[in-house]
PDB file of N, CA and C in Angstrom:
ATOM      1  N   UNK A   1     -88.894 172.434 -58.395  1.00  0.00           N
ATOM      2  CA  UNK A   1     -88.796 170.992 -57.681  1.00  0.00           C
ATOM      3  C   UNK A   1     -88.568 170.073 -58.715  1.00  0.00           C
ATOM      4  N   UNK A   2     -87.811 169.133 -58.426  1.00  0.00           N
ATOM      5  CA  UNK A   2     -87.557 168.043 -59.403  1.00  0.00           C
ATOM      6  C   UNK A   2     -88.537 166.840 -59.088  1.00  0.00           C
ATOM      7  N   UNK A   3     -89.143 166.401 -60.080  1.00  0.00           N
ATOM      8  CA  UNK A   3     -90.209 165.305 -59.920  1.00  0.00           C
ATOM      9  C   UNK A   3     -89.580 163.981 -60.317  1.00  0.00           C
ATOM     10  N   UNK A   4     -89.684 163.094 -59.406  1.00  0.00           N
ATOM     11  CA  UNK A   4     -89.503 161.653 -59.751  1.00  0.00           C
ATOM     12  C   UNK A   4     -90.764 161.119 -60.280  1.00  0.00           C
ATOM     13  N   UNK A   5     -90.900 160.639 -61.507  1.00  0.00           N
ATOM     14  CA  UNK A   5     -92.134 160.129 -62.076  1.00  0.00           C
ATOM     15  C   UNK A   5     -92.477 158.892 -61.330  1.00  0.00           C
ATOM     16  N   UNK A   6     -93.738 158.531 -61.390  1.00  0.00           N
ATOM     17  CA  UNK A   6     -94.235 157.301 -60.687  1.00  0.00           C
ATOM     18  C   UNK A   6     -93.531 156.202 -61.237  1.00  0.00           C
ATOM     19  N   UNK A   7     -93.200 156.017 -62.429  1.00  0.00           N
ATOM     20  CA  UNK A   7     -92.575 154.908 -63.116  1.00  0.00           C
ATOM     21  C   UNK A   7     -91.057 154.801 -62.482  1.00  0.00           C
ATOM     22  N   UNK A   8     -90.456 155.903 -62.394  1.00  0.00           N
ATOM     23  CA  UNK A   8     -89.103 155.975 -61.986  1.00  0.00           C
ATOM     24  C   UNK A   8     -89.040 155.693 -60.433  1.00  0.00           C
ATOM     25  N   UNK A   9     -90.041 156.226 -59.725  1.00  0.00           N
ATOM     26  CA  UNK A   9     -90.065 155.908 -58.243  1.00  0.00           C
ATOM     27  C   UNK A   9     -90.340 154.411 -58.013  1.00  0.00           C
ATOM     28  N   UNK A  10     -91.178 153.857 -58.776  1.00  0.00           N
ATOM     29  CA  UNK A  10     -91.533 152.448 -58.606  1.00  0.00           C
ATOM     30  C   UNK A  10     -90.191 151.506 -58.904  1.00  0.00           C
ATOM     31  N   UNK A  11     -89.395 151.793 -59.986  1.00  0.00           N
ATOM     32  CA  UNK A  11     -88.264 151.209 -60.314  1.00  0.00           C
ATOM     33  C   UNK A  11     -87.231 151.343 -59.223  1.00  0.00           C
ATOM     34  N   UNK A  12     -87.103 152.588 -58.724  1.00  0.00           N
ATOM     35  CA  UNK A  12     -86.151 152.791 -57.691  1.00  0.00           C
ATOM     36  C   UNK A  12     -86.430 152.007 -56.390  1.00  0.00           C
ATOM     37  N   UNK A  13     -87.772 152.055 -56.013  1.00  0.00           N
ATOM     38  CA  UNK A  13     -88.204 151.426 -54.793  1.00  0.00           C
ATOM     39  C   UNK A  13     -87.922 149.826 -54.814  1.00  0.00           C
ATOM     40  N   UNK A  14     -88.120 149.288 -56.064  1.00  0.00           N
ATOM     41  CA  UNK A  14     -87.906 147.852 -56.236  1.00  0.00           C
ATOM     42  C   UNK A  14     -86.383 147.596 -56.178  1.00  0.00           C
ATOM     43  N   UNK A  15     -85.635 148.508 -56.779  1.00  0.00           N
ATOM     44  CA  UNK A  15     -84.114 148.311 -56.701  1.00  0.00           C
ATOM     45  C   UNK A  15     -83.686 148.395 -55.173  1.00  0.00           C
ATOM     46  N   UNK A  16     -84.149 149.396 -54.488  1.00  0.00           N
ATOM     47  CA  UNK A  16     -83.710 149.601 -53.022  1.00  0.00           C
ATOM     48  C   UNK A  16     -84.144 148.473 -52.250  1.00  0.00           C
ATOM     49  N   UNK A  17     -85.344 147.911 -52.414  1.00  0.00           N
ATOM     50  CA  UNK A  17     -85.754 146.640 -51.732  1.00  0.00           C
ATOM     51  C   UNK A  17     -84.956 145.504 -51.974  1.00  0.00           C
ATOM     52  N   UNK A  18     -84.741 145.298 -53.216  1.00  0.00           N
ATOM     53  CA  UNK A  18     -83.873 144.111 -53.672  1.00  0.00           C
ATOM     54  C   UNK A  18     -82.565 144.083 -53.059  1.00  0.00           C
ATOM     55  N   UNK A  19     -81.974 145.288 -52.988  1.00  0.00           N
ATOM     56  CA  UNK A  19     -80.638 145.525 -52.367  1.00  0.00           C
ATOM     57  C   UNK A  19     -80.624 145.659 -50.903  1.00  0.00           C
ATOM     58  N   UNK A  20     -81.807 145.632 -50.287  1.00  0.00           N
ATOM     59  CA  UNK A  20     -81.953 145.896 -48.860  1.00  0.00           C
ATOM     60  C   UNK A  20     -81.343 147.187 -48.427  1.00  0.00           C
ATOM     61  N   UNK A  21     -81.625 148.171 -49.180  1.00  0.00           N
ATOM     62  CA  UNK A  21     -81.063 149.596 -48.979  1.00  0.00           C
ATOM     63  C   UNK A  21     -82.212 150.666 -49.040  1.00  0.00           C
ATOM     64  N   UNK A  22     -83.235 150.353 -48.435  1.00  0.00           N
ATOM     65  CA  UNK A  22     -84.401 151.299 -48.483  1.00  0.00           C
ATOM     66  C   UNK A  22     -84.205 152.544 -47.864  1.00  0.00           C
ATOM     67  N   UNK A  23     -83.078 152.699 -47.066  1.00  0.00           N
ATOM     68  CA  UNK A  23     -82.819 153.926 -46.268  1.00  0.00           C
ATOM     69  C   UNK A  23     -81.929 154.917 -47.151  1.00  0.00           C
ATOM     70  N   UNK A  24     -81.451 154.483 -48.284  1.00  0.00           N
ATOM     71  CA  UNK A  24     -80.654 155.282 -49.101  1.00  0.00           C
ATOM     72  C   UNK A  24     -81.327 156.384 -49.861  1.00  0.00           C
ATOM     73  N   UNK A  25     -80.622 157.498 -50.070  1.00  0.00           N
ATOM     74  CA  UNK A  25     -81.126 158.631 -50.946  1.00  0.00           C
ATOM     75  C   UNK A  25     -80.714 158.403 -52.474  1.00  0.00           C
ATOM     76  N   UNK A  26     -81.288 159.078 -53.382  1.00  0.00           N
ATOM     77  CA  UNK A  26     -80.843 159.172 -54.717  1.00  0.00           C
ATOM     78  C   UNK A  26     -80.203 160.552 -54.895  1.00  0.00           C
ATOM     79  N   UNK A  27     -78.773 160.469 -55.106  1.00  0.00           N
ATOM     80  CA  UNK A  27     -77.952 161.638 -55.266  1.00  0.00           C
ATOM     81  C   UNK A  27     -77.899 162.023 -56.744  1.00  0.00           C
ATOM     82  N   UNK A  28     -78.119 163.237 -56.995  1.00  0.00           N
ATOM     83  CA  UNK A  28     -78.037 163.841 -58.328  1.00  0.00           C
ATOM     84  C   UNK A  28     -76.694 164.552 -58.334  1.00  0.00           C
ATOM     85  N   UNK A  29     -75.882 164.248 -59.232  1.00  0.00           N
ATOM     86  CA  UNK A  29     -74.576 164.930 -59.396  1.00  0.00           C
ATOM     87  C   UNK A  29     -74.267 165.329 -60.879  1.00  0.00           C
ATOM     88  N   UNK A  30     -73.249 166.296 -61.006  1.00  0.00           N
ATOM     89  CA  UNK A  30     -72.825 166.649 -62.387  1.00  0.00           C
ATOM     90  C   UNK A  30     -71.883 165.596 -62.872  1.00  0.00           C
ATOM     91  N   UNK A  31     -72.248 165.034 -64.043  1.00  0.00           N
ATOM     92  CA  UNK A  31     -71.273 163.962 -64.527  1.00  0.00           C
ATOM     93  C   UNK A  31     -70.543 164.459 -65.604  1.00  0.00           C
ATOM     94  N   UNK A  32     -70.751 165.670 -66.087  1.00  0.00           N
ATOM     95  CA  UNK A  32     -69.888 166.406 -67.084  1.00  0.00           C
ATOM     96  C   UNK A  32     -70.634 167.473 -67.940  1.00  0.00           C
ATOM     97  N   UNK A  33     -70.061 168.037 -68.838  1.00  0.00           N
ATOM     98  CA  UNK A  33     -70.664 169.083 -69.566  1.00  0.00           C
ATOM     99  C   UNK A  33     -70.462 168.827 -71.100  1.00  0.00           C
ATOM    100  N   UNK A  34     -71.497 168.827 -71.886  1.00  0.00           N
ATOM    101  CA  UNK A  34     -71.400 168.561 -73.379  1.00  0.00           C
ATOM    102  C   UNK A  34     -72.140 169.727 -74.165  1.00  0.00           C
ATOM    103  N   UNK A  35     -72.062 169.592 -75.445  1.00  0.00           N
ATOM    104  CA  UNK A  35     -72.777 170.622 -76.233  1.00  0.00           C
ATOM    105  C   UNK A  35     -74.311 170.794 -75.834  1.00  0.00           C
ATOM    106  N   UNK A  36     -74.909 169.769 -75.368  1.00  0.00           N
ATOM    107  CA  UNK A  36     -76.251 169.806 -74.902  1.00  0.00           C
ATOM    108  C   UNK A  36     -76.471 170.416 -73.566  1.00  0.00           C
ATOM    109  N   UNK A  37     -75.429 170.863 -72.907  1.00  0.00           N
ATOM    110  CA  UNK A  37     -75.405 171.311 -71.603  1.00  0.00           C
ATOM    111  C   UNK A  37     -74.784 170.505 -70.441  1.00  0.00           C
ATOM    112  N   UNK A  38     -75.222 170.718 -69.313  1.00  0.00           N
ATOM    113  CA  UNK A  38     -74.788 169.883 -68.220  1.00  0.00           C
ATOM    114  C   UNK A  38     -75.411 168.587 -68.272  1.00  0.00           C
ATOM    115  N   UNK A  39     -74.610 167.521 -67.984  1.00  0.00           N
ATOM    116  CA  UNK A  39     -75.042 166.096 -67.972  1.00  0.00           C
ATOM    117  C   UNK A  39     -75.016 165.745 -66.388  1.00  0.00           C
ATOM    118  N   UNK A  40     -76.195 165.121 -66.085  1.00  0.00           N
ATOM    119  CA  UNK A  40     -76.292 164.754 -64.698  1.00  0.00           C
ATOM    120  C   UNK A  40     -76.186 163.164 -64.516  1.00  0.00           C
ATOM    121  N   UNK A  41     -75.788 162.788 -63.433  1.00  0.00           N
ATOM    122  CA  UNK A  41     -75.828 161.320 -63.146  1.00  0.00           C
ATOM    123  C   UNK A  41     -76.490 161.088 -61.818  1.00  0.00           C
ATOM    124  N   UNK A  42     -76.817 159.778 -61.505  1.00  0.00           N
ATOM    125  CA  UNK A  42     -77.484 159.426 -60.317  1.00  0.00           C
ATOM    126  C   UNK A  42     -76.694 158.284 -59.561  1.00  0.00           C
ATOM    127  N   UNK A  43     -76.755 158.411 -58.296  1.00  0.00           N
ATOM    128  CA  UNK A  43     -76.133 157.378 -57.495  1.00  0.00           C
ATOM    129  C   UNK A  43     -76.819 157.169 -56.182  1.00  0.00           C
ATOM    130  N   UNK A  44     -76.832 156.045 -55.597  1.00  0.00           N
ATOM    131  CA  UNK A  44     -77.447 155.888 -54.323  1.00  0.00           C
ATOM    132  C   UNK A  44     -76.462 156.275 -53.201  1.00  0.00           C
ATOM    133  N   UNK A  45     -76.867 157.064 -52.182  1.00  0.00           N
ATOM    134  CA  UNK A  45     -75.984 157.630 -51.203  1.00  0.00           C
ATOM    135  C   UNK A  45     -76.723 157.538 -49.809  1.00  0.00           C
ATOM    136  N   UNK A  46     -75.821 157.300 -48.799  1.00  0.00           N
ATOM    137  CA  UNK A  46     -76.398 157.365 -47.412  1.00  0.00           C
ATOM    138  C   UNK A  46     -75.750 158.343 -46.646  1.00  0.00           C
ATOM    139  N   UNK A  47     -75.052 159.456 -47.243  1.00  0.00           N
ATOM    140  CA  UNK A  47     -74.583 160.503 -46.523  1.00  0.00           C
ATOM    141  C   UNK A  47     -75.034 161.876 -47.032  1.00  0.00           C
ATOM    142  N   UNK A  48     -75.402 162.737 -46.129  1.00  0.00           N
ATOM    143  CA  UNK A  48     -75.970 164.035 -46.512  1.00  0.00           C
ATOM    144  C   UNK A  48     -74.898 164.987 -45.784  1.00  0.00           C
ATOM    145  N   UNK A  49     -74.362 165.919 -46.489  1.00  0.00           N
ATOM    146  CA  UNK A  49     -73.503 166.912 -45.921  1.00  0.00           C
ATOM    147  C   UNK A  49     -74.229 168.217 -45.623  1.00  0.00           C
ATOM    148  N   UNK A  50     -73.520 169.204 -45.034  1.00  0.00           N
ATOM    149  CA  UNK A  50     -74.235 170.466 -44.781  1.00  0.00           C
ATOM    150  C   UNK A  50     -74.281 171.277 -46.054  1.00  0.00           C
ATOM    151  N   UNK A  51     -73.608 170.859 -47.116  1.00  0.00           N
ATOM    152  CA  UNK A  51     -73.645 171.493 -48.390  1.00  0.00           C
ATOM    153  C   UNK A  51     -74.738 171.000 -49.376  1.00  0.00           C
ATOM    154  N   UNK A  52     -75.519 170.039 -48.855  1.00  0.00           N
ATOM    155  CA  UNK A  52     -76.451 169.344 -49.518  1.00  0.00           C
ATOM    156  C   UNK A  52     -77.848 169.952 -49.328  1.00  0.00           C
ATOM    157  N   UNK A  53     -78.712 169.711 -50.324  1.00  0.00           N
ATOM    158  CA  UNK A  53     -80.127 170.024 -50.306  1.00  0.00           C
ATOM    159  C   UNK A  53     -80.848 168.713 -50.466  1.00  0.00           C
ATOM    160  N   UNK A  54     -81.966 168.539 -49.691  1.00  0.00           N
ATOM    161  CA  UNK A  54     -82.729 167.255 -49.747  1.00  0.00           C
ATOM    162  C   UNK A  54     -84.001 167.678 -50.153  1.00  0.00           C
ATOM    163  N   UNK A  55     -84.785 166.831 -50.868  1.00  0.00           N
ATOM    164  CA  UNK A  55     -86.183 166.938 -51.188  1.00  0.00           C
ATOM    165  C   UNK A  55     -86.753 165.533 -51.357  1.00  0.00           C
ATOM    166  N   UNK A  56     -88.031 165.454 -51.500  1.00  0.00           N
ATOM    167  CA  UNK A  56     -88.740 164.166 -51.737  1.00  0.00           C
ATOM    168  C   UNK A  56     -89.702 164.229 -52.862  1.00  0.00           C
ATOM    169  N   UNK A  57     -89.824 163.255 -53.596  1.00  0.00           N
ATOM    170  CA  UNK A  57     -90.775 163.237 -54.760  1.00  0.00           C
ATOM    171  C   UNK A  57     -91.294 161.813 -54.925  1.00  0.00           C
ATOM    172  N   UNK A  58     -92.516 161.548 -54.823  1.00  0.00           N
ATOM    173  CA  UNK A  58     -93.116 160.234 -54.997  1.00  0.00           C
ATOM    174  C   UNK A  58     -92.491 159.159 -54.111  1.00  0.00           C
ATOM    175  N   UNK A  59     -92.072 159.548 -52.848  1.00  0.00           N
ATOM    176  CA  UNK A  59     -91.502 158.694 -51.959  1.00  0.00           C
ATOM    177  C   UNK A  59     -90.083 158.375 -52.002  1.00  0.00           C
ATOM    178  N   UNK A  60     -89.425 159.114 -52.991  1.00  0.00           N
ATOM    179  CA  UNK A  60     -87.909 159.013 -53.205  1.00  0.00           C
ATOM    180  C   UNK A  60     -87.221 160.207 -52.594  1.00  0.00           C
ATOM    181  N   UNK A  61     -86.310 160.004 -51.729  1.00  0.00           N
ATOM    182  CA  UNK A  61     -85.541 161.139 -51.169  1.00  0.00           C
ATOM    183  C   UNK A  61     -84.367 161.457 -52.271  1.00  0.00           C
ATOM    184  N   UNK A  62     -84.371 162.718 -52.554  1.00  0.00           N
ATOM    185  CA  UNK A  62     -83.270 163.216 -53.480  1.00  0.00           C
ATOM    186  C   UNK A  62     -82.287 164.138 -52.709  1.00  0.00           C
ATOM    187  N   UNK A  63     -80.996 163.937 -53.080  1.00  0.00           N
ATOM    188  CA  UNK A  63     -79.965 164.758 -52.444  1.00  0.00           C
ATOM    189  C   UNK A  63     -79.091 165.406 -53.541  1.00  0.00           C
ATOM    190  N   UNK A  64     -78.761 166.599 -53.430  1.00  0.00           N
ATOM    191  CA  UNK A  64     -77.787 167.247 -54.206  1.00  0.00           C
ATOM    192  C   UNK A  64     -77.192 168.413 -53.630  1.00  0.00           C
ATOM    193  N   UNK A  65     -75.933 168.761 -54.174  1.00  0.00           N
ATOM    194  CA  UNK A  65     -75.391 170.036 -53.551  1.00  0.00           C
ATOM    195  C   UNK A  65     -76.229 171.224 -53.933  1.00  0.00           C
ATOM    196  N   UNK A  66     -75.971 172.299 -53.110  1.00  0.00           N
ATOM    197  CA  UNK A  66     -76.576 173.644 -53.198  1.00  0.00           C
ATOM    198  C   UNK A  66     -76.363 174.134 -54.695  1.00  0.00           C
ATOM    199  N   UNK A  67     -75.140 173.919 -55.109  1.00  0.00           N
ATOM    200  CA  UNK A  67     -74.707 174.463 -56.488  1.00  0.00           C
ATOM    201  C   UNK A  67     -75.583 173.861 -57.481  1.00  0.00           C
ATOM    202  N   UNK A  68     -75.845 172.592 -57.523  1.00  0.00           N
ATOM    203  CA  UNK A  68     -76.679 171.841 -58.454  1.00  0.00           C
ATOM    204  C   UNK A  68     -78.129 172.309 -58.432  1.00  0.00           C
ATOM    205  N   UNK A  69     -78.568 172.481 -57.229  1.00  0.00           N
ATOM    206  CA  UNK A  69     -79.939 172.833 -56.944  1.00  0.00           C
ATOM    207  C   UNK A  69     -80.275 174.226 -57.490  1.00  0.00           C
ATOM    208  N   UNK A  70     -79.373 175.095 -57.559  1.00  0.00           N
ATOM    209  CA  UNK A  70     -79.529 176.425 -58.097  1.00  0.00           C
ATOM    210  C   UNK A  70     -79.915 176.356 -59.544  1.00  0.00           C
ATOM    211  N   UNK A  71     -79.269 175.385 -60.329  1.00  0.00           N
ATOM    212  CA  UNK A  71     -79.504 175.339 -61.765  1.00  0.00           C
ATOM    213  C   UNK A  71     -80.504 174.202 -62.186  1.00  0.00           C
ATOM    214  N   UNK A  72     -80.958 173.450 -61.159  1.00  0.00           N
ATOM    215  CA  UNK A  72     -81.860 172.338 -61.417  1.00  0.00           C
ATOM    216  C   UNK A  72     -83.081 172.534 -60.483  1.00  0.00           C
ATOM    217  N   UNK A  73     -83.821 173.610 -60.678  1.00  0.00           N
ATOM    218  CA  UNK A  73     -84.864 174.002 -59.958  1.00  0.00           C
ATOM    219  C   UNK A  73     -86.179 173.270 -60.410  1.00  0.00           C
ATOM    220  N   UNK A  74     -86.288 172.903 -61.672  1.00  0.00           N
ATOM    221  CA  UNK A  74     -87.290 172.194 -62.135  1.00  0.00           C
ATOM    222  C   UNK A  74     -86.848 171.116 -63.090  1.00  0.00           C
ATOM    223  N   UNK A  75     -87.591 170.048 -63.163  1.00  0.00           N
ATOM    224  CA  UNK A  75     -87.158 169.075 -64.080  1.00  0.00           C
ATOM    225  C   UNK A  75     -87.738 167.724 -63.624  1.00  0.00           C
ATOM    226  N   UNK A  76     -87.238 166.635 -64.236  1.00  0.00           N
ATOM    227  CA  UNK A  76     -87.778 165.334 -63.781  1.00  0.00           C
ATOM    228  C   UNK A  76     -86.727 164.115 -63.897  1.00  0.00           C
ATOM    229  N   UNK A  77     -86.966 163.151 -63.235  1.00  0.00           N
ATOM    230  CA  UNK A  77     -86.197 161.945 -63.299  1.00  0.00           C
ATOM    231  C   UNK A  77     -87.371 160.864 -63.659  1.00  0.00           C
ATOM    232  N   UNK A  78     -87.043 160.214 -64.792  1.00  0.00           N
ATOM    233  CA  UNK A  78     -88.017 159.250 -65.358  1.00  0.00           C
ATOM    234  C   UNK A  78     -87.251 157.940 -65.657  1.00  0.00           C
ATOM    235  N   UNK A  79     -88.151 156.866 -65.876  1.00  0.00           N
ATOM    236  CA  UNK A  79     -87.626 155.583 -66.233  1.00  0.00           C
ATOM    237  C   UNK A  79     -88.168 155.323 -67.579  1.00  0.00           C
ATOM    238  N   UNK A  80     -87.346 155.012 -68.521  1.00  0.00           N
ATOM    239  CA  UNK A  80     -87.800 154.714 -69.876  1.00  0.00           C
ATOM    240  C   UNK A  80     -87.369 153.262 -70.384  1.00  0.00           C
ATOM    241  N   UNK A  81     -88.179 152.668 -71.194  1.00  0.00           N
ATOM    242  CA  UNK A  81     -87.886 151.433 -71.815  1.00  0.00           C
ATOM    243  C   UNK A  81     -88.288 151.523 -73.234  1.00  0.00           C
ATOM    244  N   UNK A  82     -87.351 151.360 -74.141  1.00  0.00           N
ATOM    245  CA  UNK A  82     -87.657 151.388 -75.495  1.00  0.00           C
ATOM    246  C   UNK A  82     -86.659 150.354 -76.289  1.00  0.00           C
ATOM    247  N   UNK A  83     -86.672 150.510 -77.639  1.00  0.00           N
ATOM    248  CA  UNK A  83     -85.870 149.504 -78.479  1.00  0.00           C
ATOM    249  C   UNK A  83     -84.402 149.761 -78.190  1.00  0.00           C
ATOM    250  N   UNK A  84     -83.945 150.857 -77.647  1.00  0.00           N
ATOM    251  CA  UNK A  84     -82.632 151.148 -77.411  1.00  0.00           C
ATOM    252  C   UNK A  84     -82.203 150.744 -76.027  1.00  0.00           C
ATOM    253  N   UNK A  85     -83.151 150.212 -75.152  1.00  0.00           N
ATOM    254  CA  UNK A  85     -82.689 149.733 -73.794  1.00  0.00           C
ATOM    255  C   UNK A  85     -83.612 150.423 -72.774  1.00  0.00           C
ATOM    256  N   UNK A  86     -83.207 150.335 -71.543  1.00  0.00           N
ATOM    257  CA  UNK A  86     -83.977 150.949 -70.438  1.00  0.00           C
ATOM    258  C   UNK A  86     -83.078 151.576 -69.548  1.00  0.00           C
ATOM    259  N   UNK A  87     -83.539 152.634 -68.740  1.00  0.00           N
ATOM    260  CA  UNK A  87     -82.822 153.170 -67.764  1.00  0.00           C
ATOM    261  C   UNK A  87     -83.460 154.514 -67.378  1.00  0.00           C
ATOM    262  N   UNK A  88     -82.796 155.182 -66.430  1.00  0.00           N
ATOM    263  CA  UNK A  88     -83.275 156.398 -65.935  1.00  0.00           C
ATOM    264  C   UNK A  88     -82.896 157.580 -66.853  1.00  0.00           C
ATOM    265  N   UNK A  89     -83.838 158.571 -66.931  1.00  0.00           N
ATOM    266  CA  UNK A  89     -83.571 159.691 -67.863  1.00  0.00           C
ATOM    267  C   UNK A  89     -83.840 161.004 -66.923  1.00  0.00           C
ATOM    268  N   UNK A  90     -82.792 161.876 -66.956  1.00  0.00           N
ATOM    269  CA  UNK A  90     -82.892 163.040 -66.230  1.00  0.00           C
ATOM    270  C   UNK A  90     -83.092 164.245 -67.197  1.00  0.00           C
ATOM    271  N   UNK A  91     -84.186 164.982 -66.929  1.00  0.00           N
ATOM    272  CA  UNK A  91     -84.503 166.055 -67.703  1.00  0.00           C
ATOM    273  C   UNK A  91     -84.391 167.384 -66.925  1.00  0.00           C
ATOM    274  N   UNK A  92     -83.611 168.398 -67.493  1.00  0.00           N
ATOM    275  CA  UNK A  92     -83.453 169.581 -66.803  1.00  0.00           C
ATOM    276  C   UNK A  92     -83.665 170.740 -67.866  1.00  0.00           C
ATOM    277  N   UNK A  93     -84.890 171.375 -67.971  1.00  0.00           N
ATOM    278  CA  UNK A  93     -85.059 172.297 -69.062  1.00  0.00           C
ATOM    279  C   UNK A  93     -84.184 173.548 -68.854  1.00  0.00           C
ATOM    280  N   UNK A  94     -83.603 173.748 -67.806  1.00  0.00           N
ATOM    281  CA  UNK A  94     -82.679 174.813 -67.509  1.00  0.00           C
ATOM    282  C   UNK A  94     -81.230 174.660 -67.912  1.00  0.00           C
ATOM    283  N   UNK A  95     -80.876 173.313 -68.358  1.00  0.00           N
ATOM    284  CA  UNK A  95     -79.504 173.021 -68.543  1.00  0.00           C
ATOM    285  C   UNK A  95     -78.857 173.740 -69.735  1.00  0.00           C
ATOM    286  N   UNK A  96     -79.747 174.037 -70.864  1.00  0.00           N
ATOM    287  CA  UNK A  96     -79.208 174.743 -71.955  1.00  0.00           C
ATOM    288  C   UNK A  96     -78.098 174.050 -72.688  1.00  0.00           C
ATOM    289  N   UNK A  97     -77.629 174.722 -73.730  1.00  0.00           N
ATOM    290  CA  UNK A  97     -76.518 174.133 -74.439  1.00  0.00           C
ATOM    291  C   UNK A  97     -75.512 175.219 -74.632  1.00  0.00           C
ATOM    292  N   UNK A  98     -74.357 174.808 -74.832  1.00  0.00           N
ATOM    293  CA  UNK A  98     -73.224 175.870 -74.929  1.00  0.00           C
ATOM    294  C   UNK A  98     -73.067 176.443 -76.338  1.00  0.00           C
ATOM    295  N   UNK A  99     -73.677 175.775 -77.391  1.00  0.00           N
ATOM    296  CA  UNK A  99     -73.651 176.381 -78.679  1.00  0.00           C
ATOM    297  C   UNK A  99     -72.335 176.387 -79.442  1.00  0.00           C
ATOM    298  N   UNK A 100     -71.363 175.596 -78.901  1.00  0.00           N
ATOM    299  CA  UNK A 100     -69.971 175.513 -79.512  1.00  0.00           C
ATOM    300  C   UNK A 100     -69.835 174.514 -80.594  1.00  0.00           C
ATOM    301  N   UNK A 101     -70.669 173.455 -80.601  1.00  0.00           N
ATOM    302  CA  UNK A 101     -70.303 172.375 -81.409  1.00  0.00           C
ATOM    303  C   UNK A 101     -70.926 172.560 -82.857  1.00  0.00           C
ATOM    304  N   UNK A 102     -71.800 173.408 -83.005  1.00  0.00           N
ATOM    305  CA  UNK A 102     -72.388 173.721 -84.349  1.00  0.00           C
ATOM    306  C   UNK A 102     -73.446 172.798 -84.728  1.00  0.00           C
ATOM    307  N   UNK A 103     -73.547 171.602 -84.045  1.00  0.00           N
ATOM    308  CA  UNK A 103     -74.506 170.683 -84.495  1.00  0.00           C
ATOM    309  C   UNK A 103     -75.822 170.669 -83.537  1.00  0.00           C
ATOM    310  N   UNK A 104     -75.765 171.453 -82.524  1.00  0.00           N
ATOM    311  CA  UNK A 104     -76.989 171.381 -81.601  1.00  0.00           C
ATOM    312  C   UNK A 104     -78.061 172.276 -82.100  1.00  0.00           C
ATOM    313  N   UNK A 105     -79.328 171.907 -82.063  1.00  0.00           N
ATOM    314  CA  UNK A 105     -80.332 172.735 -82.636  1.00  0.00           C
ATOM    315  C   UNK A 105     -81.505 172.531 -81.637  1.00  0.00           C
TER     316      UNK A 105
END
């Protein structure tokens, strides 16, 4: 199961309320593939298709395709703030790396 941390859930709920879109789900999608493995993205979505899997964590509804759910069975969505900025961070311990760039360790 993917956990939405309390901090990420709080930020998302605030964002949804500000935009008056509390009924939307958070869609997890594949944004690309890099040396560090699959890169995921997030988007607000109001549509769920028959190919989607839905789940809920800390009051946030998550939506993703069945293909993504197979490879993203555990992990987290967090919200971080540091000297480099702030934003949502997706962690998938199963993403792995391809090992082709020679610089990944």
